[in-house]
Amino acid sequence: MSPETDMIKLYSQKILELAADIPHIGRLDAPTGSAKRRAPLCGSTVAVDLVVEDGRITGFAQDVKACALGQASASVVGAHIIGRTRAEVETARDQLNAMLKGNGPVPDAPFDGLEVLLPATEYKNRHASILLALDATLDAFDAAAKTACA
């Protein structure tokens, strides 16, 4: 396959649709936890604000400055993140990471929509951007836990 054909496969219509419609864009006024992650290779960033009650996300906002792949990932995450526990988010992140490395299946529901990013397995330089939304969410969970203990 030519590099041009590879890029067309990588940036599918579904990825572009997801990137154009990211849920929960913005910031929360009173989050219980916040975090920002940056992908060093491409400079993509995702900032996440959470409200956590009884161990579950009840409020979520994200500020996404990323490539189409990072945006598509943030779109899938944003669509399914409300009501999730830290363990569920960590499992999704670990499964997505394994999928991208080519040695794991698609993440479990409700994050199975991340399957759209399977063509990115060959592009290791994009993996960090794709993982940003879940990584930042985990960091925000940790920040919320520290706030609750203070």
C-alpha atoms as a PDB file:
ATOM      1  CA  MET A   1       0.000   0.000   0.000  1.00  0.00           C
ATOM      2  CA  SER A   2       1.155   3.511  -0.727  1.00  0.00           C
ATOM      3  CA  PRO A   3       1.550   6.030   2.106  1.00  0.00           C
ATOM      4  CA  GLU A   4      -1.438   7.922   0.692  1.00  0.00           C
ATOM      5  CA  THR A   5      -3.640   4.808   0.784  1.00  0.00           C
ATOM      6  CA  ASP A   6      -2.485   4.135   4.360  1.00  0.00           C
ATOM      7  CA  MET A   7      -3.526   7.646   5.416  1.00  0.00           C
ATOM      8  CA  ILE A   8      -6.932   7.277   3.785  1.00  0.00           C
ATOM      9  CA  LYS A   9      -7.414   4.015   5.699  1.00  0.00           C
ATOM     10  CA  LEU A  10      -6.212   5.640   8.925  1.00  0.00           C
ATOM     11  CA  TYR A  11      -8.453   8.699   8.675  1.00  0.00           C
ATOM     12  CA  SER A  12     -11.690   6.907   7.856  1.00  0.00           C
ATOM     13  CA  GLN A  13     -15.009   8.692   7.535  1.00  0.00           C
ATOM     14  CA  LYS A  14     -16.077   7.286  10.914  1.00  0.00           C
ATOM     15  CA  ILE A  15     -12.955   8.685  12.623  1.00  0.00           C
ATOM     16  CA  LEU A  16     -13.557  12.075  11.053  1.00  0.00           C
ATOM     17  CA  GLU A  17     -17.233  11.998  12.129  1.00  0.00           C
ATOM     18  CA  LEU A  18     -16.272  11.179  15.707  1.00  0.00           C
ATOM     19  CA  ALA A  19     -13.604  13.898  15.720  1.00  0.00           C
ATOM     20  CA  ALA A  20     -16.189  16.456  14.619  1.00  0.00           C
ATOM     21  CA  ASP A  21     -18.667  15.580  17.385  1.00  0.00           C
ATOM     22  CA  ILE A  22     -16.904  15.302  20.750  1.00  0.00           C
ATOM     23  CA  PRO A  23     -19.266  15.117  23.752  1.00  0.00           C
ATOM     24  CA  HIS A  24     -18.735  17.139  26.936  1.00  0.00           C
ATOM     25  CA  ILE A  25     -16.416  19.767  25.424  1.00  0.00           C
ATOM     26  CA  GLY A  26     -15.362  22.525  27.787  1.00  0.00           C
ATOM     27  CA  ARG A  27     -14.527  22.778  31.467  1.00  0.00           C
ATOM     28  CA  LEU A  28     -16.538  22.288  34.655  1.00  0.00           C
ATOM     29  CA  ASP A  29     -17.072  25.141  37.101  1.00  0.00           C
ATOM     30  CA  ALA A  30     -16.504  23.056  40.236  1.00  0.00           C
ATOM     31  CA  PRO A  31     -14.721  19.775  39.447  1.00  0.00           C
ATOM     32  CA  THR A  32     -13.636  17.427  42.201  1.00  0.00           C
ATOM     33  CA  GLY A  33     -10.630  16.482  40.074  1.00  0.00           C
ATOM     34  CA  SER A  34      -8.814  17.889  37.052  1.00  0.00           C
ATOM     35  CA  ALA A  35      -5.850  16.817  34.966  1.00  0.00           C
ATOM     36  CA  LYS A  36      -4.140  17.615  31.700  1.00  0.00           C
ATOM     37  CA  ARG A  37      -2.117  15.213  29.581  1.00  0.00           C
ATOM     38  CA  ARG A  38       0.133  15.968  26.604  1.00  0.00           C
ATOM     39  CA  ALA A  39       1.452  13.599  23.952  1.00  0.00           C
ATOM     40  CA  PRO A  40       5.133  14.530  23.619  1.00  0.00           C
ATOM     41  CA  LEU A  41       5.605  13.425  19.991  1.00  0.00           C
ATOM     42  CA  CYS A  42       2.761  15.413  18.471  1.00  0.00           C
ATOM     43  CA  GLY A  43       1.895  17.980  21.139  1.00  0.00           C
ATOM     44  CA  SER A  44      -1.752  16.917  21.417  1.00  0.00           C
ATOM     45  CA  THR A  45      -3.355  17.739  24.769  1.00  0.00           C
ATOM     46  CA  VAL A  46      -6.494  16.755  26.635  1.00  0.00           C
ATOM     47  CA  ALA A  47      -7.610  18.431  29.853  1.00  0.00           C
ATOM     48  CA  VAL A  48     -10.302  16.671  31.876  1.00  0.00           C
ATOM     49  CA  ASP A  49     -12.513  17.893  34.704  1.00  0.00           C
ATOM     50  CA  LEU A  50     -14.502  15.377  36.746  1.00  0.00           C
ATOM     51  CA  VAL A  51     -17.095  15.320  39.436  1.00  0.00           C
ATOM     52  CA  VAL A  52     -16.844  12.042  41.307  1.00  0.00           C
ATOM     53  CA  GLU A  53     -19.563  10.908  43.706  1.00  0.00           C
ATOM     54  CA  ASP A  54     -19.545   7.531  45.431  1.00  0.00           C
ATOM     55  CA  GLY A  55     -16.659   6.411  43.215  1.00  0.00           C
ATOM     56  CA  ARG A  56     -18.442   7.150  39.925  1.00  0.00           C
ATOM     57  CA  ILE A  57     -18.140   9.968  37.428  1.00  0.00           C
ATOM     58  CA  THR A  58     -21.247  12.155  37.642  1.00  0.00           C
ATOM     59  CA  GLY A  59     -19.830  15.159  35.805  1.00  0.00           C
ATOM     60  CA  PHE A  60     -17.293  15.284  32.990  1.00  0.00           C
ATOM     61  CA  ALA A  61     -15.824  17.875  30.674  1.00  0.00           C
ATOM     62  CA  GLN A  62     -12.864  17.757  28.337  1.00  0.00           C
ATOM     63  CA  ASP A  63     -10.819  20.322  26.449  1.00  0.00           C
ATOM     64  CA  VAL A  64      -9.340  18.477  23.475  1.00  0.00           C
ATOM     65  CA  LYS A  65      -6.531  19.868  21.341  1.00  0.00           C
ATOM     66  CA  ALA A  66      -5.476  16.807  19.406  1.00  0.00           C
ATOM     67  CA  CYS A  67      -5.204  15.217  15.983  1.00  0.00           C
ATOM     68  CA  ALA A  68      -8.264  13.529  14.478  1.00  0.00           C
ATOM     69  CA  LEU A  69      -7.289  10.224  16.095  1.00  0.00           C
ATOM     70  CA  GLY A  70      -7.039  11.765  19.561  1.00  0.00           C
ATOM     71  CA  GLN A  71     -10.300  13.606  18.951  1.00  0.00           C
ATOM     72  CA  ALA A  72     -12.054  10.409  17.839  1.00  0.00           C
ATOM     73  CA  SER A  73     -10.843   8.629  20.964  1.00  0.00           C
ATOM     74  CA  ALA A  74     -12.037  11.534  23.153  1.00  0.00           C
ATOM     75  CA  SER A  75     -15.396  11.374  21.385  1.00  0.00           C
ATOM     76  CA  VAL A  76     -15.913   7.693  22.205  1.00  0.00           C
ATOM     77  CA  VAL A  77     -14.707   8.221  25.776  1.00  0.00           C
ATOM     78  CA  GLY A  78     -16.939  11.269  26.281  1.00  0.00           C
ATOM     79  CA  ALA A  79     -19.990   9.412  25.006  1.00  0.00           C
ATOM     80  CA  HIS A  80     -19.646   6.652  27.615  1.00  0.00           C
ATOM     81  CA  ILE A  81     -17.745   8.078  30.588  1.00  0.00           C
ATOM     82  CA  ILE A  82     -20.611   9.234  32.836  1.00  0.00           C
ATOM     83  CA  GLY A  83     -21.307   6.631  35.523  1.00  0.00           C
ATOM     84  CA  ARG A  84     -17.953   4.859  35.179  1.00  0.00           C
ATOM     85  CA  THR A  85     -15.648   3.959  38.046  1.00  0.00           C
ATOM     86  CA  ARG A  86     -11.884   4.401  38.078  1.00  0.00           C
ATOM     87  CA  ALA A  87     -11.450   0.641  37.637  1.00  0.00           C
ATOM     88  CA  GLU A  88     -13.635   0.666  34.506  1.00  0.00           C
ATOM     89  CA  VAL A  89     -11.670   3.580  33.023  1.00  0.00           C
ATOM     90  CA  GLU A  90      -8.366   1.896  33.838  1.00  0.00           C
ATOM     91  CA  THR A  91      -9.532  -1.340  32.210  1.00  0.00           C
ATOM     92  CA  ALA A  92     -10.589   0.565  29.080  1.00  0.00           C
ATOM     93  CA  ARG A  93      -7.210   2.338  28.945  1.00  0.00           C
ATOM     94  CA  ASP A  94      -5.279  -0.906  29.392  1.00  0.00           C
ATOM     95  CA  GLN A  95      -7.384  -2.681  26.759  1.00  0.00           C
ATOM     96  CA  LEU A  96      -6.992   0.211  24.295  1.00  0.00           C
ATOM     97  CA  ASN A  97      -3.241   0.232  24.863  1.00  0.00           C
ATOM     98  CA  ALA A  98      -3.058  -3.535  24.241  1.00  0.00           C
ATOM     99  CA  MET A  99      -5.216  -3.188  21.117  1.00  0.00           C
ATOM    100  CA  LEU A 100      -2.936  -0.464  19.754  1.00  0.00           C
ATOM    101  CA  LYS A 101       0.151  -2.587  20.403  1.00  0.00           C
ATOM    102  CA  GLY A 102      -1.507  -5.333  18.373  1.00  0.00           C
ATOM    103  CA  ASN A 103      -1.663  -7.905  21.147  1.00  0.00           C
ATOM    104  CA  GLY A 104      -5.124  -7.327  22.542  1.00  0.00           C
ATOM    105  CA  PRO A 105      -8.757  -7.317  21.515  1.00  0.00           C
ATOM    106  CA  VAL A 106     -11.003  -4.291  21.200  1.00  0.00           C
ATOM    107  CA  PRO A 107     -11.913  -2.731  24.584  1.00  0.00           C
ATOM    108  CA  ASP A 108     -15.015  -4.081  26.307  1.00  0.00           C
ATOM    109  CA  ALA A 109     -18.364  -2.287  26.103  1.00  0.00           C
ATOM    110  CA  PRO A 110     -19.154   0.510  26.526  1.00  0.00           C
ATOM    111  CA  PHE A 111     -15.775   1.538  25.101  1.00  0.00           C
ATOM    112  CA  ASP A 112     -15.901  -0.946  22.219  1.00  0.00           C
ATOM    113  CA  GLY A 113     -16.431   1.978  19.825  1.00  0.00           C
ATOM    114  CA  LEU A 114     -12.670   2.526  20.127  1.00  0.00           C
ATOM    115  CA  GLU A 115     -12.432  -0.304  17.588  1.00  0.00           C
ATOM    116  CA  VAL A 116     -12.559   2.412  14.927  1.00  0.00           C
ATOM    117  CA  LEU A 117      -8.939   3.157  15.874  1.00  0.00           C
ATOM    118  CA  LEU A 118      -7.647  -0.314  14.952  1.00  0.00           C
ATOM    119  CA  PRO A 119      -5.929   1.031  11.793  1.00  0.00           C
ATOM    120  CA  ALA A 120      -3.693   3.132  14.080  1.00  0.00           C
ATOM    121  CA  THR A 121      -1.910   0.055  15.445  1.00  0.00           C
ATOM    122  CA  GLU A 122       0.733   0.549  12.750  1.00  0.00           C
ATOM    123  CA  TYR A 123       1.330   4.186  13.749  1.00  0.00           C
ATOM    124  CA  LYS A 124       3.082   4.044  17.130  1.00  0.00           C
ATOM    125  CA  ASN A 125       3.685   7.796  17.054  1.00  0.00           C
ATOM    126  CA  ARG A 126      -0.116   8.284  17.328  1.00  0.00           C
ATOM    127  CA  HIS A 127      -0.745   5.938  20.250  1.00  0.00           C
ATOM    128  CA  ALA A 128      -0.090   8.530  22.980  1.00  0.00           C
ATOM    129  CA  SER A 129      -2.598  10.927  21.420  1.00  0.00           C
ATOM    130  CA  ILE A 130      -5.221   8.183  21.211  1.00  0.00           C
ATOM    131  CA  LEU A 131      -4.711   7.312  24.901  1.00  0.00           C
ATOM    132  CA  LEU A 132      -4.847  10.931  26.141  1.00  0.00           C
ATOM    133  CA  ALA A 133      -8.553  11.111  27.062  1.00  0.00           C
ATOM    134  CA  LEU A 134      -8.419   7.958  29.180  1.00  0.00           C
ATOM    135  CA  ASP A 135      -5.035   8.839  30.730  1.00  0.00           C
ATOM    136  CA  ALA A 136      -6.215  12.345  31.655  1.00  0.00           C
ATOM    137  CA  THR A 137      -9.436  10.893  33.100  1.00  0.00           C
ATOM    138  CA  LEU A 138      -7.432   8.537  35.319  1.00  0.00           C
ATOM    139  CA  ASP A 139      -5.227  11.427  36.460  1.00  0.00           C
ATOM    140  CA  ALA A 140      -8.346  13.477  37.235  1.00  0.00           C
ATOM    141  CA  PHE A 141      -9.746  10.553  39.257  1.00  0.00           C
ATOM    142  CA  ASP A 142      -6.504  10.513  41.246  1.00  0.00           C
ATOM    143  CA  ALA A 143      -6.711  14.279  41.801  1.00  0.00           C
ATOM    144  CA  ALA A 144     -10.305  13.874  43.024  1.00  0.00           C
ATOM    145  CA  ALA A 145      -9.234  11.162  45.449  1.00  0.00           C
ATOM    146  CA  LYS A 146      -6.477  13.406  46.856  1.00  0.00           C
ATOM    147  CA  THR A 147      -8.969  16.244  47.298  1.00  0.00           C
ATOM    148  CA  ALA A 148     -11.397  13.924  49.092  1.00  0.00           C
ATOM    149  CA  CYS A 149      -8.642  12.798  51.490  1.00  0.00           C
ATOM    150  CA  ALA A 150      -7.461  16.334  52.269  1.00  0.00           C
END
